[in-house]
Amino acid sequence: MTATSFDPHALLAESRLGVLATIKSDGRPQLSPVLPYYDRGAGVLYVSMTEGRAKTANLRRDPRAALEVTSPDGRAWATAEGGVTLTGPGTDPLGPEIEALVEYYRLAAGEHPAWDEYRAAMVSDRRVLMTMAVDHVYGTRLG
């Protein structure tokens, strides 16, 4: 990919490892490694996270975030920014909060071999789905 044909949306869609930046209560950034899924067509980025973690608390207080990904060779990067909605945690394995995590998994990885186990784990782990409405994307490819 040449510098003139670089598409940061494509890199976001291909990447399964990124760094999520949220805002701490003192205004400093909180950086967390995450496993994102970017639905380019919908302009939405998803991350599964755990209730009680710093990033989740930060997003409940200030629902803005940025996510940065890099290419495997480290020579390209892309950043997505936007407002965030959190869904969950859920207490019912068949409830809407867990169903949102099931849909996220299907988008990101396809069918799970044991949905009942996945649903139970999402409840016991107190998982939360972050949905970012991406409103700004930028990045570049070096050299």
N, C-alpha and C. Protein backbone atom coordinates (compact mmCIF):
# COMPACT_ATOMS: atom_id res chain seq x y z
N MET A 1 0.84 -1.17 0.00
CA MET A 1 0.00 0.00 0.00
C MET A 1 0.89 1.24 0.00
N THR A 2 0.70 2.11 -0.93
CA THR A 2 1.50 3.33 -0.98
C THR A 2 0.88 4.40 -0.09
N ALA A 3 1.66 5.43 0.21
CA ALA A 3 1.17 6.51 1.07
C ALA A 3 -0.07 7.16 0.47
N THR A 4 -0.13 7.27 -0.87
CA THR A 4 -1.27 7.93 -1.49
C THR A 4 -2.51 7.05 -1.48
N SER A 5 -2.36 5.73 -1.36
CA SER A 5 -3.52 4.86 -1.37
C SER A 5 -3.87 4.32 0.02
N PHE A 6 -3.21 4.81 1.05
CA PHE A 6 -3.45 4.31 2.40
C PHE A 6 -4.88 4.61 2.84
N ASP A 7 -5.55 3.61 3.37
CA ASP A 7 -6.92 3.75 3.86
C ASP A 7 -6.95 3.38 5.34
N PRO A 8 -7.03 4.37 6.24
CA PRO A 8 -7.03 4.05 7.67
C PRO A 8 -8.24 3.21 8.08
N HIS A 9 -9.37 3.35 7.37
CA HIS A 9 -10.54 2.52 7.69
C HIS A 9 -10.23 1.04 7.46
N ALA A 10 -9.50 0.74 6.40
CA ALA A 10 -9.14 -0.65 6.11
C ALA A 10 -8.24 -1.22 7.21
N LEU A 11 -7.28 -0.45 7.68
CA LEU A 11 -6.41 -0.92 8.75
C LEU A 11 -7.21 -1.16 10.03
N LEU A 12 -8.13 -0.27 10.34
CA LEU A 12 -8.99 -0.47 11.51
C LEU A 12 -9.80 -1.76 11.37
N ALA A 13 -10.33 -2.02 10.20
CA ALA A 13 -11.14 -3.21 9.98
C ALA A 13 -10.32 -4.49 10.05
N GLU A 14 -9.05 -4.44 9.68
CA GLU A 14 -8.18 -5.62 9.68
C GLU A 14 -7.59 -5.93 11.04
N SER A 15 -7.47 -4.93 11.89
CA SER A 15 -6.73 -5.07 13.15
C SER A 15 -7.58 -5.70 14.24
N ARG A 16 -6.97 -6.60 14.99
CA ARG A 16 -7.64 -7.24 16.12
C ARG A 16 -6.93 -6.95 17.44
N LEU A 17 -5.99 -6.00 17.42
CA LEU A 17 -5.31 -5.56 18.63
C LEU A 17 -5.12 -4.07 18.53
N GLY A 18 -5.49 -3.36 19.57
CA GLY A 18 -5.36 -1.91 19.56
C GLY A 18 -5.17 -1.37 20.95
N VAL A 19 -5.02 -0.06 21.04
CA VAL A 19 -4.89 0.63 22.32
C VAL A 19 -6.05 1.61 22.42
N LEU A 20 -6.85 1.44 23.47
CA LEU A 20 -8.00 2.29 23.72
C LEU A 20 -7.58 3.39 24.69
N ALA A 21 -7.87 4.63 24.31
CA ALA A 21 -7.59 5.78 25.18
C ALA A 21 -8.91 6.31 25.72
N THR A 22 -9.00 6.36 27.06
CA THR A 22 -10.13 6.97 27.75
C THR A 22 -9.57 8.10 28.60
N ILE A 23 -10.46 8.83 29.26
CA ILE A 23 -10.04 10.02 30.01
C ILE A 23 -10.24 9.77 31.50
N LYS A 24 -9.14 9.83 32.26
CA LYS A 24 -9.20 9.68 33.72
C LYS A 24 -9.89 10.89 34.34
N SER A 25 -10.28 10.77 35.59
CA SER A 25 -10.98 11.86 36.28
C SER A 25 -10.11 13.10 36.42
N ASP A 26 -8.77 12.94 36.40
CA ASP A 26 -7.89 14.11 36.48
C ASP A 26 -7.54 14.68 35.10
N GLY A 27 -8.15 14.13 34.03
CA GLY A 27 -7.95 14.64 32.68
C GLY A 27 -6.83 13.96 31.91
N ARG A 28 -6.04 13.14 32.57
CA ARG A 28 -4.96 12.43 31.86
C ARG A 28 -5.54 11.24 31.10
N PRO A 29 -4.84 10.80 30.05
CA PRO A 29 -5.33 9.64 29.30
C PRO A 29 -5.06 8.33 30.04
N GLN A 30 -5.99 7.40 29.90
CA GLN A 30 -5.83 6.02 30.37
C GLN A 30 -5.71 5.17 29.12
N LEU A 31 -4.61 4.45 28.95
CA LEU A 31 -4.40 3.62 27.77
C LEU A 31 -4.52 2.15 28.15
N SER A 32 -5.29 1.41 27.36
CA SER A 32 -5.54 0.00 27.64
C SER A 32 -5.46 -0.81 26.36
N PRO A 33 -4.70 -1.91 26.37
CA PRO A 33 -4.72 -2.80 25.20
C PRO A 33 -6.07 -3.51 25.13
N VAL A 34 -6.65 -3.57 23.92
CA VAL A 34 -7.96 -4.19 23.73
C VAL A 34 -7.98 -4.97 22.41
N LEU A 35 -9.03 -5.77 22.25
CA LEU A 35 -9.25 -6.55 21.04
C LEU A 35 -10.48 -5.97 20.33
N PRO A 36 -10.30 -5.00 19.44
CA PRO A 36 -11.44 -4.31 18.83
C PRO A 36 -11.98 -5.04 17.60
N TYR A 37 -13.22 -4.68 17.27
CA TYR A 37 -13.81 -5.07 16.00
C TYR A 37 -14.43 -3.82 15.40
N TYR A 38 -14.04 -3.48 14.18
CA TYR A 38 -14.55 -2.29 13.49
C TYR A 38 -15.47 -2.72 12.37
N ASP A 39 -16.73 -2.34 12.45
CA ASP A 39 -17.70 -2.57 11.40
C ASP A 39 -17.68 -1.33 10.51
N ARG A 40 -16.87 -1.42 9.47
CA ARG A 40 -16.64 -0.26 8.61
C ARG A 40 -17.93 0.25 7.97
N GLY A 41 -18.76 -0.65 7.51
CA GLY A 41 -20.00 -0.26 6.86
C GLY A 41 -20.92 0.53 7.77
N ALA A 42 -20.95 0.16 9.03
CA ALA A 42 -21.82 0.84 10.00
C ALA A 42 -21.11 2.02 10.66
N GLY A 43 -19.78 2.09 10.53
CA GLY A 43 -19.02 3.15 11.19
C GLY A 43 -19.03 3.00 12.70
N VAL A 44 -18.99 1.75 13.14
CA VAL A 44 -19.08 1.45 14.57
C VAL A 44 -17.92 0.53 14.97
N LEU A 45 -17.35 0.84 16.11
CA LEU A 45 -16.25 0.05 16.66
C LEU A 45 -16.72 -0.58 17.96
N TYR A 46 -16.40 -1.86 18.17
CA TYR A 46 -16.83 -2.60 19.36
C TYR A 46 -15.62 -3.10 20.14
N VAL A 47 -15.76 -3.07 21.46
CA VAL A 47 -14.77 -3.67 22.35
C VAL A 47 -15.52 -4.29 23.52
N SER A 48 -15.18 -5.52 23.86
CA SER A 48 -15.72 -6.16 25.06
C SER A 48 -14.77 -5.84 26.20
N MET A 49 -15.32 -5.43 27.35
CA MET A 49 -14.49 -5.09 28.51
C MET A 49 -15.20 -5.56 29.77
N THR A 50 -14.52 -5.45 30.89
CA THR A 50 -15.04 -5.92 32.16
C THR A 50 -15.48 -4.76 33.04
N GLU A 51 -16.63 -4.91 33.66
CA GLU A 51 -17.11 -3.91 34.62
C GLU A 51 -16.10 -3.81 35.77
N GLY A 52 -15.88 -2.59 36.23
CA GLY A 52 -14.97 -2.38 37.35
C GLY A 52 -13.55 -2.02 36.95
N ARG A 53 -13.21 -2.15 35.70
CA ARG A 53 -11.88 -1.77 35.23
C ARG A 53 -11.82 -0.26 35.00
N ALA A 54 -10.60 0.27 34.97
CA ALA A 54 -10.42 1.72 34.82
C ALA A 54 -11.08 2.24 33.55
N LYS A 55 -10.88 1.56 32.43
CA LYS A 55 -11.44 2.07 31.17
C LYS A 55 -12.96 2.11 31.22
N THR A 56 -13.58 1.12 31.86
CA THR A 56 -15.04 1.10 31.95
C THR A 56 -15.53 2.25 32.83
N ALA A 57 -14.89 2.44 33.98
CA ALA A 57 -15.26 3.54 34.87
C ALA A 57 -15.06 4.89 34.18
N ASN A 58 -13.96 5.04 33.47
CA ASN A 58 -13.70 6.29 32.75
C ASN A 58 -14.79 6.57 31.73
N LEU A 59 -15.20 5.54 30.99
CA LEU A 59 -16.22 5.72 29.95
C LEU A 59 -17.60 5.98 30.54
N ARG A 60 -17.86 5.46 31.71
CA ARG A 60 -19.15 5.76 32.36
C ARG A 60 -19.19 7.23 32.78
N ARG A 61 -18.04 7.78 33.14
CA ARG A 61 -17.96 9.18 33.56
C ARG A 61 -17.88 10.12 32.36
N ASP A 62 -17.11 9.75 31.34
CA ASP A 62 -16.90 10.59 30.16
C ASP A 62 -16.90 9.67 28.94
N PRO A 63 -18.02 9.57 28.23
CA PRO A 63 -18.16 8.58 27.15
C PRO A 63 -17.52 8.99 25.82
N ARG A 64 -16.27 9.39 25.89
CA ARG A 64 -15.49 9.68 24.68
C ARG A 64 -14.23 8.82 24.71
N ALA A 65 -13.83 8.35 23.52
CA ALA A 65 -12.65 7.49 23.45
C ALA A 65 -11.96 7.62 22.10
N ALA A 66 -10.74 7.13 22.06
CA ALA A 66 -9.99 6.98 20.82
C ALA A 66 -9.37 5.59 20.84
N LEU A 67 -9.27 4.99 19.67
CA LEU A 67 -8.64 3.68 19.54
C LEU A 67 -7.59 3.76 18.45
N GLU A 68 -6.38 3.31 18.76
CA GLU A 68 -5.27 3.33 17.81
C GLU A 68 -4.86 1.90 17.50
N VAL A 69 -4.63 1.62 16.22
CA VAL A 69 -4.12 0.33 15.77
C VAL A 69 -2.89 0.57 14.89
N THR A 70 -2.03 -0.43 14.82
CA THR A 70 -0.87 -0.35 13.93
C THR A 70 -0.84 -1.59 13.05
N SER A 71 -0.18 -1.45 11.92
CA SER A 71 -0.01 -2.59 11.02
C SER A 71 0.99 -3.56 11.64
N PRO A 72 1.01 -4.82 11.20
CA PRO A 72 1.95 -5.79 11.76
C PRO A 72 3.42 -5.36 11.64
N ASP A 73 3.76 -4.61 10.58
CA ASP A 73 5.15 -4.17 10.43
C ASP A 73 5.45 -2.87 11.17
N GLY A 74 4.43 -2.29 11.81
CA GLY A 74 4.62 -1.06 12.58
C GLY A 74 4.78 0.19 11.74
N ARG A 75 4.59 0.09 10.42
CA ARG A 75 4.82 1.23 9.54
C ARG A 75 3.55 1.97 9.15
N ALA A 76 2.41 1.53 9.66
CA ALA A 76 1.15 2.23 9.40
C ALA A 76 0.35 2.24 10.69
N TRP A 77 -0.42 3.28 10.85
CA TRP A 77 -1.28 3.39 12.03
C TRP A 77 -2.58 4.08 11.64
N ALA A 78 -3.61 3.81 12.43
CA ALA A 78 -4.91 4.45 12.24
C ALA A 78 -5.54 4.68 13.61
N THR A 79 -6.26 5.78 13.72
CA THR A 79 -6.95 6.12 14.96
C THR A 79 -8.41 6.43 14.65
N ALA A 80 -9.29 5.88 15.48
CA ALA A 80 -10.73 6.18 15.41
C ALA A 80 -11.12 6.90 16.69
N GLU A 81 -11.95 7.92 16.54
CA GLU A 81 -12.43 8.67 17.70
C GLU A 81 -13.95 8.72 17.65
N GLY A 82 -14.56 8.81 18.84
CA GLY A 82 -16.01 8.96 18.85
C GLY A 82 -16.61 8.83 20.22
N GLY A 83 -17.91 9.01 20.25
CA GLY A 83 -18.68 8.84 21.46
C GLY A 83 -18.99 7.37 21.68
N VAL A 84 -19.13 7.01 22.94
CA VAL A 84 -19.25 5.61 23.34
C VAL A 84 -20.56 5.36 24.09
N THR A 85 -21.12 4.20 23.85
CA THR A 85 -22.25 3.68 24.63
C THR A 85 -21.79 2.36 25.25
N LEU A 86 -22.11 2.16 26.51
CA LEU A 86 -21.80 0.90 27.19
C LEU A 86 -23.08 0.12 27.42
N THR A 87 -23.03 -1.19 27.14
CA THR A 87 -24.16 -2.08 27.36
C THR A 87 -23.72 -3.16 28.32
N GLY A 88 -24.42 -3.27 29.45
CA GLY A 88 -24.10 -4.30 30.43
C GLY A 88 -23.47 -3.70 31.66
N PRO A 89 -23.09 -4.55 32.58
CA PRO A 89 -23.11 -6.01 32.50
C PRO A 89 -24.51 -6.57 32.67
N GLY A 90 -24.70 -7.76 32.18
CA GLY A 90 -25.99 -8.42 32.30
C GLY A 90 -25.96 -9.50 33.36
N THR A 91 -27.13 -9.82 33.89
CA THR A 91 -27.24 -10.87 34.91
C THR A 91 -27.98 -12.10 34.38
N ASP A 92 -28.62 -11.97 33.23
CA ASP A 92 -29.38 -13.06 32.63
C ASP A 92 -28.66 -13.50 31.36
N PRO A 93 -28.24 -14.77 31.29
CA PRO A 93 -27.53 -15.24 30.10
C PRO A 93 -28.32 -15.08 28.80
N LEU A 94 -29.64 -14.93 28.90
CA LEU A 94 -30.47 -14.75 27.72
C LEU A 94 -30.99 -13.32 27.59
N GLY A 95 -30.50 -12.42 28.44
CA GLY A 95 -30.94 -11.04 28.45
C GLY A 95 -30.32 -10.21 27.34
N PRO A 96 -30.83 -8.99 27.15
CA PRO A 96 -30.37 -8.15 26.04
C PRO A 96 -28.91 -7.72 26.15
N GLU A 97 -28.38 -7.58 27.36
CA GLU A 97 -26.98 -7.18 27.52
C GLU A 97 -26.05 -8.28 27.01
N ILE A 98 -26.40 -9.52 27.32
CA ILE A 98 -25.58 -10.66 26.86
C ILE A 98 -25.80 -10.90 25.38
N GLU A 99 -27.01 -10.68 24.91
CA GLU A 99 -27.29 -10.84 23.47
C GLU A 99 -26.44 -9.87 22.65
N ALA A 100 -26.23 -8.66 23.17
CA ALA A 100 -25.37 -7.69 22.48
C ALA A 100 -23.94 -8.23 22.36
N LEU A 101 -23.45 -8.89 23.40
CA LEU A 101 -22.11 -9.49 23.36
C LEU A 101 -22.06 -10.68 22.39
N VAL A 102 -23.15 -11.43 22.31
CA VAL A 102 -23.23 -12.54 21.34
C VAL A 102 -23.14 -11.99 19.92
N GLU A 103 -23.88 -10.92 19.64
CA GLU A 103 -23.85 -10.33 18.29
C GLU A 103 -22.46 -9.79 17.97
N TYR A 104 -21.82 -9.15 18.95
CA TYR A 104 -20.43 -8.68 18.78
C TYR A 104 -19.52 -9.85 18.42
N TYR A 105 -19.62 -10.96 19.16
CA TYR A 105 -18.78 -12.12 18.91
C TYR A 105 -19.01 -12.64 17.49
N ARG A 106 -20.28 -12.73 17.10
CA ARG A 106 -20.58 -13.23 15.75
C ARG A 106 -19.96 -12.34 14.67
N LEU A 107 -20.05 -11.03 14.86
CA LEU A 107 -19.44 -10.11 13.89
C LEU A 107 -17.92 -10.30 13.83
N ALA A 108 -17.30 -10.39 14.99
CA ALA A 108 -15.84 -10.42 15.08
C ALA A 108 -15.24 -11.78 14.76
N ALA A 109 -15.94 -12.87 15.15
CA ALA A 109 -15.30 -14.19 15.07
C ALA A 109 -16.18 -15.30 14.49
N GLY A 110 -17.43 -15.01 14.21
CA GLY A 110 -18.30 -16.06 13.69
C GLY A 110 -19.05 -16.78 14.80
N GLU A 111 -19.37 -18.02 14.57
CA GLU A 111 -20.13 -18.80 15.55
C GLU A 111 -19.22 -19.37 16.63
N HIS A 112 -19.71 -19.34 17.85
CA HIS A 112 -18.99 -19.90 19.00
C HIS A 112 -19.33 -21.38 19.10
N PRO A 113 -18.37 -22.22 19.50
CA PRO A 113 -18.67 -23.65 19.58
C PRO A 113 -19.58 -24.03 20.76
N ALA A 114 -19.71 -23.15 21.75
CA ALA A 114 -20.53 -23.47 22.93
C ALA A 114 -21.17 -22.19 23.45
N TRP A 115 -22.30 -21.80 22.83
CA TRP A 115 -22.94 -20.54 23.19
C TRP A 115 -23.39 -20.47 24.64
N ASP A 116 -23.87 -21.57 25.20
CA ASP A 116 -24.30 -21.55 26.61
C ASP A 116 -23.14 -21.22 27.53
N GLU A 117 -21.98 -21.80 27.25
CA GLU A 117 -20.78 -21.51 28.06
C GLU A 117 -20.35 -20.06 27.87
N TYR A 118 -20.38 -19.57 26.65
CA TYR A 118 -20.01 -18.18 26.38
C TYR A 118 -20.94 -17.23 27.15
N ARG A 119 -22.24 -17.47 27.06
CA ARG A 119 -23.22 -16.61 27.75
C ARG A 119 -22.99 -16.63 29.26
N ALA A 120 -22.75 -17.80 29.82
CA ALA A 120 -22.50 -17.90 31.27
C ALA A 120 -21.22 -17.14 31.65
N ALA A 121 -20.19 -17.25 30.82
CA ALA A 121 -18.94 -16.54 31.10
C ALA A 121 -19.13 -15.03 31.03
N MET A 122 -19.95 -14.55 30.10
CA MET A 122 -20.18 -13.11 29.99
C MET A 122 -20.87 -12.56 31.25
N VAL A 123 -21.76 -13.37 31.83
CA VAL A 123 -22.43 -12.97 33.08
C VAL A 123 -21.43 -13.02 34.23
N SER A 124 -20.73 -14.16 34.40
CA SER A 124 -19.83 -14.31 35.55
C SER A 124 -18.64 -13.35 35.48
N ASP A 125 -18.18 -13.02 34.28
CA ASP A 125 -17.05 -12.08 34.12
C ASP A 125 -17.49 -10.62 34.17
N ARG A 126 -18.81 -10.38 34.22
CA ARG A 126 -19.38 -9.02 34.25
C ARG A 126 -18.91 -8.22 33.03
N ARG A 127 -19.06 -8.84 31.85
CA ARG A 127 -18.62 -8.21 30.61
C ARG A 127 -19.58 -7.10 30.18
N VAL A 128 -18.97 -6.08 29.58
CA VAL A 128 -19.66 -4.90 29.08
C VAL A 128 -19.26 -4.72 27.62
N LEU A 129 -20.21 -4.35 26.77
CA LEU A 129 -19.89 -4.08 25.38
C LEU A 129 -19.80 -2.58 25.17
N MET A 130 -18.63 -2.14 24.70
CA MET A 130 -18.45 -0.74 24.31
C MET A 130 -18.76 -0.64 22.83
N THR A 131 -19.63 0.29 22.49
CA THR A 131 -19.96 0.59 21.10
C THR A 131 -19.58 2.04 20.84
N MET A 132 -18.64 2.25 19.93
CA MET A 132 -18.21 3.60 19.58
C MET A 132 -18.79 3.98 18.22
N ALA A 133 -19.53 5.06 18.20
CA ALA A 133 -19.97 5.64 16.93
C ALA A 133 -18.80 6.47 16.41
N VAL A 134 -18.07 5.93 15.46
CA VAL A 134 -16.85 6.56 14.97
C VAL A 134 -17.20 7.83 14.19
N ASP A 135 -16.68 8.95 14.66
CA ASP A 135 -16.95 10.21 13.95
C ASP A 135 -15.71 10.83 13.33
N HIS A 136 -14.54 10.24 13.59
CA HIS A 136 -13.31 10.77 12.99
C HIS A 136 -12.29 9.64 12.90
N VAL A 137 -11.70 9.47 11.73
CA VAL A 137 -10.65 8.47 11.50
C VAL A 137 -9.50 9.15 10.79
N TYR A 138 -8.29 8.84 11.24
CA TYR A 138 -7.10 9.38 10.59
C TYR A 138 -5.95 8.41 10.79
N GLY A 139 -4.91 8.58 10.01
CA GLY A 139 -3.73 7.72 10.11
C GLY A 139 -2.86 7.90 8.91
N THR A 140 -1.79 7.11 8.86
CA THR A 140 -0.85 7.23 7.75
C THR A 140 -0.03 5.93 7.62
N ARG A 141 0.60 5.81 6.48
CA ARG A 141 1.57 4.76 6.25
C ARG A 141 2.91 5.45 6.04
N LEU A 142 3.92 5.01 6.76
CA LEU A 142 5.25 5.62 6.68
C LEU A 142 6.03 5.01 5.52
N GLY A 143 6.69 5.85 4.81
CA GLY A 143 7.60 5.45 3.73
C GLY A 143 7.03 4.49 2.82
